[in-house]
Amino acid sequence: MKDLMFGPLTFPEVYDTVDGVFDKIFKLEHSHTQEFHYRTNEKDNILTYEYDMPGFKINDINIELHNEKMVKMDAQRGERDFHLNFTVPNAYDPESIKCTLEDGILIMTFSKKESFKSRKIAINQKV
């Protein structure tokens, strides 16, 4: 089957280009021999990343914080491995990182910095 063409580029080349741009925008770098699915959620001033990592144990996973904002995760179990580097978004405190492995799901959370939290502003009546 012939690749779809987009101007001078084939579909796989376009996909790789768009995927690379997305990773650069979100400062995400990853390499893996097995694909891991993940979800991101922001609720109640908490940013949550959930990674599906069935079969992995706590001792298979290493997570480090570098330069006060870069998270580096390496996981290996047998022939399966996963590597991920990302920068914690500016609105969140990298030092607040908490990680839990539960039923094959790695849950990583960050608290929002106080200066980025919403707050109610009082309105005064002028007399």
PDB file of N, CA and C in Angstrom:
ATOM      1  N   MET A   1       0.845  -1.187   0.000  1.00  0.00           N
ATOM      2  CA  MET A   1       0.000   0.000   0.000  1.00  0.00           C
ATOM      3  C   MET A   1       0.884   1.242   0.000  1.00  0.00           C
ATOM      4  N   LYS A   2       0.558   2.178  -0.843  1.00  0.00           N
ATOM      5  CA  LYS A   2       1.340   3.396  -0.964  1.00  0.00           C
ATOM      6  C   LYS A   2       0.930   4.386   0.126  1.00  0.00           C
ATOM      7  N   ASP A   3       1.933   5.083   0.703  1.00  0.00           N
ATOM      8  CA  ASP A   3       1.657   6.089   1.732  1.00  0.00           C
ATOM      9  C   ASP A   3       0.908   7.269   1.137  1.00  0.00           C
ATOM     10  N   LEU A   4       0.015   7.850   1.954  1.00  0.00           N
ATOM     11  CA  LEU A   4      -0.668   9.078   1.543  1.00  0.00           C
ATOM     12  C   LEU A   4       0.363  10.195   1.433  1.00  0.00           C
ATOM     13  N   MET A   5       0.166  11.062   0.484  1.00  0.00           N
ATOM     14  CA  MET A   5       1.103  12.160   0.286  1.00  0.00           C
ATOM     15  C   MET A   5       0.469  13.482   0.715  1.00  0.00           C
ATOM     16  N   PHE A   6       1.218  14.311   1.433  1.00  0.00           N
ATOM     17  CA  PHE A   6       0.809  15.646   1.831  1.00  0.00           C
ATOM     18  C   PHE A   6       1.881  16.582   1.295  1.00  0.00           C
ATOM     19  N   GLY A   7       1.676  17.069   0.089  1.00  0.00           N
ATOM     20  CA  GLY A   7       2.731  17.861  -0.544  1.00  0.00           C
ATOM     21  C   GLY A   7       3.930  16.943  -0.738  1.00  0.00           C
ATOM     22  N   PRO A   8       5.118  17.387  -0.336  1.00  0.00           N
ATOM     23  CA  PRO A   8       6.295  16.546  -0.524  1.00  0.00           C
ATOM     24  C   PRO A   8       6.478  15.494   0.581  1.00  0.00           C
ATOM     25  N   LEU A   9       5.571  15.475   1.616  1.00  0.00           N
ATOM     26  CA  LEU A   9       5.726  14.556   2.740  1.00  0.00           C
ATOM     27  C   LEU A   9       4.712  13.419   2.685  1.00  0.00           C
ATOM     28  N   THR A  10       5.093  12.254   3.172  1.00  0.00           N
ATOM     29  CA  THR A  10       4.162  11.133   3.297  1.00  0.00           C
ATOM     30  C   THR A  10       3.438  11.250   4.632  1.00  0.00           C
ATOM     31  N   PHE A  11       2.367  10.506   4.813  1.00  0.00           N
ATOM     32  CA  PHE A  11       1.611  10.549   6.059  1.00  0.00           C
ATOM     33  C   PHE A  11       2.495  10.245   7.267  1.00  0.00           C
ATOM     34  N   PRO A  12       3.332   9.183   7.245  1.00  0.00           N
ATOM     35  CA  PRO A  12       4.184   8.932   8.422  1.00  0.00           C
ATOM     36  C   PRO A  12       5.106  10.103   8.747  1.00  0.00           C
ATOM     37  N   GLU A  13       5.608  10.788   7.728  1.00  0.00           N
ATOM     38  CA  GLU A  13       6.484  11.937   7.973  1.00  0.00           C
ATOM     39  C   GLU A  13       5.703  13.092   8.600  1.00  0.00           C
ATOM     40  N   VAL A  14       4.475  13.324   8.127  1.00  0.00           N
ATOM     41  CA  VAL A  14       3.619  14.371   8.696  1.00  0.00           C
ATOM     42  C   VAL A  14       3.295  14.034  10.150  1.00  0.00           C
ATOM     43  N   TYR A  15       2.937  12.777  10.405  1.00  0.00           N
ATOM     44  CA  TYR A  15       2.590  12.339  11.767  1.00  0.00           C
ATOM     45  C   TYR A  15       3.779  12.561  12.706  1.00  0.00           C
ATOM     46  N   ASP A  16       4.969  12.127  12.279  1.00  0.00           N
ATOM     47  CA  ASP A  16       6.155  12.285  13.117  1.00  0.00           C
ATOM     48  C   ASP A  16       6.447  13.758  13.378  1.00  0.00           C
ATOM     49  N   THR A  17       6.250  14.614  12.389  1.00  0.00           N
ATOM     50  CA  THR A  17       6.491  16.051  12.542  1.00  0.00           C
ATOM     51  C   THR A  17       5.513  16.650  13.545  1.00  0.00           C
ATOM     52  N   VAL A  18       4.218  16.360  13.390  1.00  0.00           N
ATOM     53  CA  VAL A  18       3.196  16.885  14.298  1.00  0.00           C
ATOM     54  C   VAL A  18       3.425  16.352  15.705  1.00  0.00           C
ATOM     55  N   ASP A  19       3.735  15.063  15.829  1.00  0.00           N
ATOM     56  CA  ASP A  19       3.990  14.449  17.129  1.00  0.00           C
ATOM     57  C   ASP A  19       5.193  15.119  17.807  1.00  0.00           C
ATOM     58  N   GLY A  20       6.236  15.422  17.035  1.00  0.00           N
ATOM     59  CA  GLY A  20       7.419  16.079  17.578  1.00  0.00           C
ATOM     60  C   GLY A  20       7.122  17.492  18.052  1.00  0.00           C
ATOM     61  N   VAL A  21       6.302  18.215  17.291  1.00  0.00           N
ATOM     62  CA  VAL A  21       5.915  19.575  17.683  1.00  0.00           C
ATOM     63  C   VAL A  21       5.119  19.528  18.978  1.00  0.00           C
ATOM     64  N   PHE A  22       4.172  18.597  19.095  1.00  0.00           N
ATOM     65  CA  PHE A  22       3.369  18.444  20.315  1.00  0.00           C
ATOM     66  C   PHE A  22       4.277  18.200  21.514  1.00  0.00           C
ATOM     67  N   ASP A  23       5.237  17.280  21.359  1.00  0.00           N
ATOM     68  CA  ASP A  23       6.150  16.976  22.453  1.00  0.00           C
ATOM     69  C   ASP A  23       6.971  18.186  22.851  1.00  0.00           C
ATOM     70  N   LYS A  24       7.399  19.011  21.872  1.00  0.00           N
ATOM     71  CA  LYS A  24       8.189  20.196  22.189  1.00  0.00           C
ATOM     72  C   LYS A  24       7.351  21.247  22.903  1.00  0.00           C
ATOM     73  N   ILE A  25       6.102  21.409  22.496  1.00  0.00           N
ATOM     74  CA  ILE A  25       5.216  22.374  23.140  1.00  0.00           C
ATOM     75  C   ILE A  25       5.037  22.020  24.605  1.00  0.00           C
ATOM     76  N   PHE A  26       4.813  20.735  24.890  1.00  0.00           N
ATOM     77  CA  PHE A  26       4.564  20.289  26.256  1.00  0.00           C
ATOM     78  C   PHE A  26       5.838  19.807  26.939  1.00  0.00           C
ATOM     79  N   LYS A  27       6.995  20.001  26.253  1.00  0.00           N
ATOM     80  CA  LYS A  27       8.292  19.626  26.801  1.00  0.00           C
ATOM     81  C   LYS A  27       8.280  18.178  27.272  1.00  0.00           C
ATOM     82  N   LEU A  28       7.715  17.297  26.462  1.00  0.00           N
ATOM     83  CA  LEU A  28       7.599  15.884  26.780  1.00  0.00           C
ATOM     84  C   LEU A  28       8.605  15.121  25.946  1.00  0.00           C
ATOM     85  N   GLU A  29       9.413  14.331  26.582  1.00  0.00           N
ATOM     86  CA  GLU A  29      10.335  13.464  25.873  1.00  0.00           C
ATOM     87  C   GLU A  29      10.106  12.061  26.387  1.00  0.00           C
ATOM     88  N   HIS A  30       9.958  11.123  25.484  1.00  0.00           N
ATOM     89  CA  HIS A  30       9.754   9.752  25.945  1.00  0.00           C
ATOM     90  C   HIS A  30      10.299   8.772  24.935  1.00  0.00           C
ATOM     91  N   SER A  31      10.673   7.617  25.448  1.00  0.00           N
ATOM     92  CA  SER A  31      11.039   6.510  24.587  1.00  0.00           C
ATOM     93  C   SER A  31      10.604   5.255  25.315  1.00  0.00           C
ATOM     94  N   HIS A  32      10.145   4.309  24.572  1.00  0.00           N
ATOM     95  CA  HIS A  32       9.692   3.089  25.214  1.00  0.00           C
ATOM     96  C   HIS A  32       9.637   1.959  24.209  1.00  0.00           C
ATOM     97  N   THR A  33       9.736   0.745  24.719  1.00  0.00           N
ATOM     98  CA  THR A  33       9.583  -0.408  23.853  1.00  0.00           C
ATOM     99  C   THR A  33       8.155  -0.923  23.927  1.00  0.00           C
ATOM    100  N   GLN A  34       7.403  -0.456  24.885  1.00  0.00           N
ATOM    101  CA  GLN A  34       5.997  -0.813  25.009  1.00  0.00           C
ATOM    102  C   GLN A  34       5.210   0.474  25.225  1.00  0.00           C
ATOM    103  N   GLU A  35       4.068   0.583  24.583  1.00  0.00           N
ATOM    104  CA  GLU A  35       3.267   1.791  24.735  1.00  0.00           C
ATOM    105  C   GLU A  35       2.498   1.755  26.047  1.00  0.00           C
ATOM    106  N   PHE A  36       2.576   2.842  26.794  1.00  0.00           N
ATOM    107  CA  PHE A  36       1.821   2.984  28.029  1.00  0.00           C
ATOM    108  C   PHE A  36       0.785   4.081  27.819  1.00  0.00           C
ATOM    109  N   HIS A  37      -0.417   3.811  28.229  1.00  0.00           N
ATOM    110  CA  HIS A  37      -1.480   4.798  28.104  1.00  0.00           C
ATOM    111  C   HIS A  37      -1.481   5.662  29.363  1.00  0.00           C
ATOM    112  N   TYR A  38      -1.826   6.928  29.183  1.00  0.00           N
ATOM    113  CA  TYR A  38      -1.890   7.813  30.336  1.00  0.00           C
ATOM    114  C   TYR A  38      -3.058   8.778  30.193  1.00  0.00           C
ATOM    115  N   ARG A  39      -3.451   9.325  31.324  1.00  0.00           N
ATOM    116  CA  ARG A  39      -4.525  10.309  31.389  1.00  0.00           C
ATOM    117  C   ARG A  39      -4.022  11.478  32.237  1.00  0.00           C
ATOM    118  N   THR A  40      -4.531  12.666  31.931  1.00  0.00           N
ATOM    119  CA  THR A  40      -4.200  13.867  32.690  1.00  0.00           C
ATOM    120  C   THR A  40      -5.497  14.499  33.155  1.00  0.00           C
ATOM    121  N   ASN A  41      -5.504  14.968  34.388  1.00  0.00           N
ATOM    122  CA  ASN A  41      -6.705  15.586  34.932  1.00  0.00           C
ATOM    123  C   ASN A  41      -6.281  16.725  35.865  1.00  0.00           C
ATOM    124  N   GLU A  42      -7.058  17.795  35.852  1.00  0.00           N
ATOM    125  CA  GLU A  42      -6.835  18.910  36.770  1.00  0.00           C
ATOM    126  C   GLU A  42      -8.139  19.170  37.502  1.00  0.00           C
ATOM    127  N   LYS A  43      -8.106  19.034  38.826  1.00  0.00           N
ATOM    128  CA  LYS A  43      -9.317  19.225  39.619  1.00  0.00           C
ATOM    129  C   LYS A  43      -8.913  19.679  41.021  1.00  0.00           C
ATOM    130  N   ASP A  44      -9.648  20.631  41.541  1.00  0.00           N
ATOM    131  CA  ASP A  44      -9.422  21.126  42.905  1.00  0.00           C
ATOM    132  C   ASP A  44      -7.956  21.491  43.157  1.00  0.00           C
ATOM    133  N   ASN A  45      -7.339  22.213  42.209  1.00  0.00           N
ATOM    134  CA  ASN A  45      -5.962  22.696  42.324  1.00  0.00           C
ATOM    135  C   ASN A  45      -4.915  21.575  42.374  1.00  0.00           C
ATOM    136  N   ILE A  46      -5.281  20.400  41.876  1.00  0.00           N
ATOM    137  CA  ILE A  46      -4.363  19.258  41.809  1.00  0.00           C
ATOM    138  C   ILE A  46      -4.261  18.808  40.352  1.00  0.00           C
ATOM    139  N   LEU A  47      -3.030  18.679  39.862  1.00  0.00           N
ATOM    140  CA  LEU A  47      -2.771  18.139  38.535  1.00  0.00           C
ATOM    141  C   LEU A  47      -2.409  16.670  38.707  1.00  0.00           C
ATOM    142  N   THR A  48      -3.113  15.786  38.000  1.00  0.00           N
ATOM    143  CA  THR A  48      -2.904  14.347  38.132  1.00  0.00           C
ATOM    144  C   THR A  48      -2.545  13.734  36.793  1.00  0.00           C
ATOM    145  N   TYR A  49      -1.489  12.925  36.793  1.00  0.00           N
ATOM    146  CA  TYR A  49      -1.123  12.090  35.651  1.00  0.00           C
ATOM    147  C   TYR A  49      -1.327  10.645  36.095  1.00  0.00           C
ATOM    148  N   GLU A  50      -2.004   9.853  35.278  1.00  0.00           N
ATOM    149  CA  GLU A  50      -2.183   8.430  35.561  1.00  0.00           C
ATOM    150  C   GLU A  50      -1.593   7.632  34.409  1.00  0.00           C
ATOM    151  N   TYR A  51      -0.650   6.746  34.716  1.00  0.00           N
ATOM    152  CA  TYR A  51       0.002   5.909  33.715  1.00  0.00           C
ATOM    153  C   TYR A  51      -0.406   4.459  33.942  1.00  0.00           C
ATOM    154  N   ASP A  52      -0.934   3.809  32.895  1.00  0.00           N
ATOM    155  CA  ASP A  52      -1.270   2.393  32.973  1.00  0.00           C
ATOM    156  C   ASP A  52       0.022   1.601  32.853  1.00  0.00           C
ATOM    157  N   MET A  53       0.393   0.902  33.928  1.00  0.00           N
ATOM    158  CA  MET A  53       1.644   0.147  33.956  1.00  0.00           C
ATOM    159  C   MET A  53       1.397  -1.243  34.540  1.00  0.00           C
ATOM    160  N   PRO A  54       0.565  -2.041  33.873  1.00  0.00           N
ATOM    161  CA  PRO A  54       0.224  -3.360  34.418  1.00  0.00           C
ATOM    162  C   PRO A  54       1.465  -4.243  34.572  1.00  0.00           C
ATOM    163  N   GLY A  55       1.540  -4.935  35.703  1.00  0.00           N
ATOM    164  CA  GLY A  55       2.640  -5.853  35.960  1.00  0.00           C
ATOM    165  C   GLY A  55       3.856  -5.211  36.602  1.00  0.00           C
ATOM    166  N   PHE A  56       3.956  -3.888  36.564  1.00  0.00           N
ATOM    167  CA  PHE A  56       5.104  -3.218  37.172  1.00  0.00           C
ATOM    168  C   PHE A  56       4.925  -3.137  38.682  1.00  0.00           C
ATOM    169  N   LYS A  57       6.038  -3.263  39.386  1.00  0.00           N
ATOM    170  CA  LYS A  57       6.065  -3.157  40.844  1.00  0.00           C
ATOM    171  C   LYS A  57       6.816  -1.874  41.212  1.00  0.00           C
ATOM    172  N   ILE A  58       6.679  -1.454  42.456  1.00  0.00           N
ATOM    173  CA  ILE A  58       7.331  -0.224  42.923  1.00  0.00           C
ATOM    174  C   ILE A  58       8.834  -0.254  42.646  1.00  0.00           C
ATOM    175  N   ASN A  59       9.472  -1.394  42.877  1.00  0.00           N
ATOM    176  CA  ASN A  59      10.922  -1.490  42.683  1.00  0.00           C
ATOM    177  C   ASN A  59      11.333  -1.422  41.222  1.00  0.00           C
ATOM    178  N   ASP A  60      10.390  -1.547  40.279  1.00  0.00           N
ATOM    179  CA  ASP A  60      10.683  -1.470  38.846  1.00  0.00           C
ATOM    180  C   ASP A  60      10.709  -0.028  38.343  1.00  0.00           C
ATOM    181  N   ILE A  61      10.254   0.911  39.162  1.00  0.00           N
ATOM    182  CA  ILE A  61      10.045   2.291  38.719  1.00  0.00           C
ATOM    183  C   ILE A  61      10.946   3.244  39.508  1.00  0.00           C
ATOM    184  N   ASN A  62      11.625   4.123  38.796  1.00  0.00           N
ATOM    185  CA  ASN A  62      12.454   5.150  39.425  1.00  0.00           C
ATOM    186  C   ASN A  62      11.974   6.512  38.934  1.00  0.00           C
ATOM    187  N   ILE A  63      11.649   7.407  39.873  1.00  0.00           N
ATOM    188  CA  ILE A  63      11.193   8.752  39.525  1.00  0.00           C
ATOM    189  C   ILE A  63      12.085   9.746  40.252  1.00  0.00           C
ATOM    190  N   GLU A  64      12.618  10.706  39.495  1.00  0.00           N
ATOM    191  CA  GLU A  64      13.508  11.725  40.063  1.00  0.00           C
ATOM    192  C   GLU A  64      13.064  13.110  39.614  1.00  0.00           C
ATOM    193  N   LEU A  65      13.354  14.091  40.460  1.00  0.00           N
ATOM    194  CA  LEU A  65      13.099  15.489  40.130  1.00  0.00           C
ATOM    195  C   LEU A  65      14.454  16.158  39.898  1.00  0.00           C
ATOM    196  N   HIS A  66      14.638  16.751  38.709  1.00  0.00           N
ATOM    197  CA  HIS A  66      15.901  17.391  38.343  1.00  0.00           C
ATOM    198  C   HIS A  66      15.682  18.888  38.126  1.00  0.00           C
ATOM    199  N   ASN A  67      16.660  19.693  38.521  1.00  0.00           N
ATOM    200  CA  ASN A  67      16.647  21.139  38.280  1.00  0.00           C
ATOM    201  C   ASN A  67      15.351  21.806  38.738  1.00  0.00           C
ATOM    202  N   GLU A  68      14.782  21.308  39.796  1.00  0.00           N
ATOM    203  CA  GLU A  68      13.593  21.869  40.444  1.00  0.00           C
ATOM    204  C   GLU A  68      12.309  21.805  39.633  1.00  0.00           C
ATOM    205  N   LYS A  69      12.351  21.268  38.384  1.00  0.00           N
ATOM    206  CA  LYS A  69      11.101  21.220  37.627  1.00  0.00           C
ATOM    207  C   LYS A  69      11.015  20.101  36.599  1.00  0.00           C
ATOM    208  N   MET A  70      12.089  19.370  36.349  1.00  0.00           N
ATOM    209  CA  MET A  70      12.076  18.290  35.358  1.00  0.00           C
ATOM    210  C   MET A  70      11.869  16.951  36.065  1.00  0.00           C
ATOM    211  N   VAL A  71      10.809  16.236  35.683  1.00  0.00           N
ATOM    212  CA  VAL A  71      10.546  14.907  36.225  1.00  0.00           C
ATOM    213  C   VAL A  71      11.087  13.884  35.237  1.00  0.00           C
ATOM    214  N   LYS A  72      11.850  12.951  35.765  1.00  0.00           N
ATOM    215  CA  LYS A  72      12.419  11.878  34.948  1.00  0.00           C
ATOM    216  C   LYS A  72      11.939  10.554  35.531  1.00  0.00           C
ATOM    217  N   MET A  73      11.283   9.747  34.679  1.00  0.00           N
ATOM    218  CA  MET A  73      10.787   8.442  35.123  1.00  0.00           C
ATOM    219  C   MET A  73      11.385   7.361  34.236  1.00  0.00           C
ATOM    220  N   ASP A  74      11.946   6.350  34.865  1.00  0.00           N
ATOM    221  CA  ASP A  74      12.452   5.166  34.178  1.00  0.00           C
ATOM    222  C   ASP A  74      11.810   3.954  34.832  1.00  0.00           C
ATOM    223  N   ALA A  75      11.286   3.063  34.005  1.00  0.00           N
ATOM    224  CA  ALA A  75      10.668   1.843  34.526  1.00  0.00           C
ATOM    225  C   ALA A  75      11.106   0.670  33.661  1.00  0.00           C
ATOM    226  N   GLN A  76      11.454  -0.434  34.335  1.00  0.00           N
ATOM    227  CA  GLN A  76      11.847  -1.623  33.586  1.00  0.00           C
ATOM    228  C   GLN A  76      11.425  -2.861  34.346  1.00  0.00           C
ATOM    229  N   ARG A  77      10.803  -3.768  33.606  1.00  0.00           N
ATOM    230  CA  ARG A  77      10.409  -5.065  34.158  1.00  0.00           C
ATOM    231  C   ARG A  77      10.604  -6.082  33.049  1.00  0.00           C
ATOM    232  N   GLY A  78      11.609  -6.916  33.202  1.00  0.00           N
ATOM    233  CA  GLY A  78      11.902  -7.895  32.158  1.00  0.00           C
ATOM    234  C   GLY A  78      12.286  -7.190  30.868  1.00  0.00           C
ATOM    235  N   GLU A  79      11.616  -7.556  29.791  1.00  0.00           N
ATOM    236  CA  GLU A  79      11.882  -6.965  28.476  1.00  0.00           C
ATOM    237  C   GLU A  79      11.143  -5.643  28.258  1.00  0.00           C
ATOM    238  N   ARG A  80      10.263  -5.287  29.164  1.00  0.00           N
ATOM    239  CA  ARG A  80       9.463  -4.065  29.001  1.00  0.00           C
ATOM    240  C   ARG A  80      10.152  -2.897  29.704  1.00  0.00           C
ATOM    241  N   ASP A  81      10.258  -1.780  28.995  1.00  0.00           N
ATOM    242  CA  ASP A  81      10.805  -0.595  29.646  1.00  0.00           C
ATOM    243  C   ASP A  81      10.090   0.655  29.150  1.00  0.00           C
ATOM    244  N   PHE A  82      10.216   1.708  29.952  1.00  0.00           N
ATOM    245  CA  PHE A  82       9.514   2.953  29.676  1.00  0.00           C
ATOM    246  C   PHE A  82      10.352   4.083  30.255  1.00  0.00           C
ATOM    247  N   HIS A  83      10.540   5.137  29.477  1.00  0.00           N
ATOM    248  CA  HIS A  83      11.308   6.297  29.915  1.00  0.00           C
ATOM    249  C   HIS A  83      10.516   7.553  29.573  1.00  0.00           C
ATOM    250  N   LEU A  84      10.424   8.459  30.525  1.00  0.00           N
ATOM    251  CA  LEU A  84       9.644   9.678  30.320  1.00  0.00           C
ATOM    252  C   LEU A  84      10.323  10.835  31.031  1.00  0.00           C
ATOM    253  N   ASN A  85      10.441  11.954  30.343  1.00  0.00           N
ATOM    254  CA  ASN A  85      10.934  13.203  30.937  1.00  0.00           C
ATOM    255  C   ASN A  85       9.924  14.292  30.620  1.00  0.00           C
ATOM    256  N   PHE A  86       9.551  15.082  31.610  1.00  0.00           N
ATOM    257  CA  PHE A  86       8.673  16.216  31.331  1.00  0.00           C
ATOM    258  C   PHE A  86       8.904  17.318  32.349  1.00  0.00           C
ATOM    259  N   THR A  87       8.579  18.525  31.930  1.00  0.00           N
ATOM    260  CA  THR A  87       8.696  19.690  32.787  1.00  0.00           C
ATOM    261  C   THR A  87       7.353  19.925  33.463  1.00  0.00           C
ATOM    262  N   VAL A  88       7.388  20.109  34.775  1.00  0.00           N
ATOM    263  CA  VAL A  88       6.166  20.385  35.525  1.00  0.00           C
ATOM    264  C   VAL A  88       5.653  21.759  35.099  1.00  0.00           C
ATOM    265  N   PRO A  89       4.360  21.863  34.748  1.00  0.00           N
ATOM    266  CA  PRO A  89       3.821  23.170  34.347  1.00  0.00           C
ATOM    267  C   PRO A  89       4.082  24.233  35.418  1.00  0.00           C
ATOM    268  N   ASN A  90       4.326  25.460  34.993  1.00  0.00           N
ATOM    269  CA  ASN A  90       4.708  26.554  35.873  1.00  0.00           C
ATOM    270  C   ASN A  90       3.733  26.792  37.020  1.00  0.00           C
ATOM    271  N   ALA A  91       2.454  26.547  36.806  1.00  0.00           N
ATOM    272  CA  ALA A  91       1.449  26.820  37.839  1.00  0.00           C
ATOM    273  C   ALA A  91       1.484  25.809  38.993  1.00  0.00           C
ATOM    274  N   TYR A  92       2.275  24.747  38.854  1.00  0.00           N
ATOM    275  CA  TYR A  92       2.294  23.684  39.858  1.00  0.00           C
ATOM    276  C   TYR A  92       3.637  23.603  40.558  1.00  0.00           C
ATOM    277  N   ASP A  93       3.604  23.183  41.807  1.00  0.00           N
ATOM    278  CA  ASP A  93       4.798  23.083  42.636  1.00  0.00           C
ATOM    279  C   ASP A  93       5.466  21.721  42.434  1.00  0.00           C
ATOM    280  N   PRO A  94       6.639  21.676  41.798  1.00  0.00           N
ATOM    281  CA  PRO A  94       7.313  20.397  41.579  1.00  0.00           C
ATOM    282  C   PRO A  94       7.632  19.656  42.876  1.00  0.00           C
ATOM    283  N   GLU A  95       7.901  20.404  43.947  1.00  0.00           N
ATOM    284  CA  GLU A  95       8.231  19.781  45.232  1.00  0.00           C
ATOM    285  C   GLU A  95       7.028  19.090  45.873  1.00  0.00           C
ATOM    286  N   SER A  96       5.834  19.371  45.378  1.00  0.00           N
ATOM    287  CA  SER A  96       4.635  18.753  45.949  1.00  0.00           C
ATOM    288  C   SER A  96       4.331  17.379  45.342  1.00  0.00           C
ATOM    289  N   ILE A  97       5.211  16.876  44.486  1.00  0.00           N
ATOM    290  CA  ILE A  97       4.964  15.617  43.789  1.00  0.00           C
ATOM    291  C   ILE A  97       4.683  14.476  44.772  1.00  0.00           C
ATOM    292  N   LYS A  98       3.646  13.722  44.457  1.00  0.00           N
ATOM    293  CA  LYS A  98       3.304  12.512  45.210  1.00  0.00           C
ATOM    294  C   LYS A  98       3.022  11.422  44.186  1.00  0.00           C
ATOM    295  N   CYS A  99       3.536  10.235  44.439  1.00  0.00           N
ATOM    296  CA  CYS A  99       3.357   9.114  43.509  1.00  0.00           C
ATOM    297  C   CYS A  99       2.803   7.905  44.250  1.00  0.00           C
ATOM    298  N   THR A 100       1.876   7.227  43.595  1.00  0.00           N
ATOM    299  CA  THR A 100       1.259   6.031  44.144  1.00  0.00           C
ATOM    300  C   THR A 100       1.128   5.014  43.020  1.00  0.00           C
ATOM    301  N   LEU A 101       1.416   3.757  43.317  1.00  0.00           N
ATOM    302  CA  LEU A 101       1.190   2.675  42.366  1.00  0.00           C
ATOM    303  C   LEU A 101       0.080   1.809  42.927  1.00  0.00           C
ATOM    304  N   GLU A 102      -1.038   1.765  42.201  1.00  0.00           N
ATOM    305  CA  GLU A 102      -2.208   1.035  42.686  1.00  0.00           C
ATOM    306  C   GLU A 102      -2.862   0.279  41.537  1.00  0.00           C
ATOM    307  N   ASP A 103      -2.955  -1.035  41.667  1.00  0.00           N
ATOM    308  CA  ASP A 103      -3.598  -1.885  40.668  1.00  0.00           C
ATOM    309  C   ASP A 103      -3.066  -1.647  39.258  1.00  0.00           C
ATOM    310  N   GLY A 104      -1.730  -1.519  39.131  1.00  0.00           N
ATOM    311  CA  GLY A 104      -1.118  -1.348  37.818  1.00  0.00           C
ATOM    312  C   GLY A 104      -1.223   0.054  37.246  1.00  0.00           C
ATOM    313  N   ILE A 105      -1.634   1.011  38.060  1.00  0.00           N
ATOM    314  CA  ILE A 105      -1.738   2.404  37.612  1.00  0.00           C
ATOM    315  C   ILE A 105      -0.834   3.264  38.488  1.00  0.00           C
ATOM    316  N   LEU A 106       0.117   3.950  37.849  1.00  0.00           N
ATOM    317  CA  LEU A 106       0.969   4.885  38.558  1.00  0.00           C
ATOM    318  C   LEU A 106       0.273   6.238  38.553  1.00  0.00           C
ATOM    319  N   ILE A 107       0.019   6.780  39.731  1.00  0.00           N
ATOM    320  CA  ILE A 107      -0.666   8.058  39.874  1.00  0.00           C
ATOM    321  C   ILE A 107       0.348   9.073  40.409  1.00  0.00           C
ATOM    322  N   MET A 108       0.531  10.152  39.651  1.00  0.00           N
ATOM    323  CA  MET A 108       1.482  11.206  40.004  1.00  0.00           C
ATOM    324  C   MET A 108       0.686  12.503  40.140  1.00  0.00           C
ATOM    325  N   THR A 109       0.801  13.182  41.290  1.00  0.00           N
ATOM    326  CA  THR A 109       0.042  14.415  41.493  1.00  0.00           C
ATOM    327  C   THR A 109       0.962  15.577  41.864  1.00  0.00           C
ATOM    328  N   PHE A 110       0.505  16.780  41.491  1.00  0.00           N
ATOM    329  CA  PHE A 110       1.194  18.021  41.826  1.00  0.00           C
ATOM    330  C   PHE A 110       0.144  19.011  42.315  1.00  0.00           C
ATOM    331  N   SER A 111       0.482  19.755  43.371  1.00  0.00           N
ATOM    332  CA  SER A 111      -0.417  20.799  43.885  1.00  0.00           C
ATOM    333  C   SER A 111      -0.134  22.109  43.169  1.00  0.00           C
ATOM    334  N   LYS A 112      -1.194  22.885  42.965  1.00  0.00           N
ATOM    335  CA  LYS A 112      -1.049  24.196  42.337  1.00  0.00           C
ATOM    336  C   LYS A 112      -0.379  25.148  43.326  1.00  0.00           C
ATOM    337  N   LYS A 113       0.505  26.005  42.815  1.00  0.00           N
ATOM    338  CA  LYS A 113       1.149  27.016  43.650  1.00  0.00           C
ATOM    339  C   LYS A 113       0.085  27.987  44.147  1.00  0.00           C
ATOM    340  N   GLU A 114       0.257  28.478  45.374  1.00  0.00           N
ATOM    341  CA  GLU A 114      -0.717  29.399  45.970  1.00  0.00           C
ATOM    342  C   GLU A 114      -0.975  30.606  45.070  1.00  0.00           C
ATOM    343  N   SER A 115       0.067  31.130  44.453  1.00  0.00           N
ATOM    344  CA  SER A 115      -0.082  32.333  43.643  1.00  0.00           C
ATOM    345  C   SER A 115      -0.904  32.094  42.375  1.00  0.00           C
ATOM    346  N   PHE A 116      -1.134  30.827  41.999  1.00  0.00           N
ATOM    347  CA  PHE A 116      -1.913  30.511  40.812  1.00  0.00           C
ATOM    348  C   PHE A 116      -3.328  30.042  41.136  1.00  0.00           C
ATOM    349  N   LYS A 117      -3.644  29.881  42.421  1.00  0.00           N
ATOM    350  CA  LYS A 117      -4.973  29.416  42.802  1.00  0.00           C
ATOM    351  C   LYS A 117      -5.979  30.553  42.668  1.00  0.00           C
ATOM    352  N   SER A 118      -7.192  30.193  42.288  1.00  0.00           N
ATOM    353  CA  SER A 118      -8.272  31.184  42.210  1.00  0.00           C
ATOM    354  C   SER A 118      -8.646  31.623  43.622  1.00  0.00           C
ATOM    355  N   ARG A 119      -9.016  32.863  43.728  1.00  0.00           N
ATOM    356  CA  ARG A 119      -9.490  33.347  45.020  1.00  0.00           C
ATOM    357  C   ARG A 119     -10.555  34.410  44.787  1.00  0.00           C
ATOM    358  N   LYS A 120     -11.439  34.524  45.723  1.00  0.00           N
ATOM    359  CA  LYS A 120     -12.527  35.494  45.635  1.00  0.00           C
ATOM    360  C   LYS A 120     -11.992  36.874  46.026  1.00  0.00           C
ATOM    361  N   ILE A 121     -12.381  37.867  45.270  1.00  0.00           N
ATOM    362  CA  ILE A 121     -11.973  39.236  45.552  1.00  0.00           C
ATOM    363  C   ILE A 121     -13.146  39.983  46.168  1.00  0.00           C
ATOM    364  N   ALA A 122     -12.917  40.576  47.310  1.00  0.00           N
ATOM    365  CA  ALA A 122     -13.975  41.334  47.999  1.00  0.00           C
ATOM    366  C   ALA A 122     -14.229  42.655  47.264  1.00  0.00           C
ATOM    367  N   ILE A 123     -15.483  43.049  47.239  1.00  0.00           N
ATOM    368  CA  ILE A 123     -15.882  44.330  46.642  1.00  0.00           C
ATOM    369  C   ILE A 123     -16.361  45.214  47.788  1.00  0.00           C
ATOM    370  N   ASN A 124     -15.738  46.356  47.926  1.00  0.00           N
ATOM    371  CA  ASN A 124     -16.099  47.273  49.006  1.00  0.00           C
ATOM    372  C   ASN A 124     -17.085  48.313  48.500  1.00  0.00           C
ATOM    373  N   GLN A 125     -17.990  48.728  49.359  1.00  0.00           N
ATOM    374  CA  GLN A 125     -18.966  49.768  49.062  1.00  0.00           C
ATOM    375  C   GLN A 125     -18.332  51.117  49.388  1.00  0.00           C
ATOM    376  N   LYS A 126     -18.336  52.016  48.421  1.00  0.00           N
ATOM    377  CA  LYS A 126     -17.787  53.332  48.676  1.00  0.00           C
ATOM    378  C   LYS A 126     -18.862  54.183  49.353  1.00  0.00           C
ATOM    379  N   VAL A 127     -18.481  54.838  50.415  1.00  0.00           N
ATOM    380  CA  VAL A 127     -19.432  55.619  51.201  1.00  0.00           C
ATOM    381  C   VAL A 127     -19.360  57.080  50.851  1.00  0.00           C
TER     382      VAL A 127
END
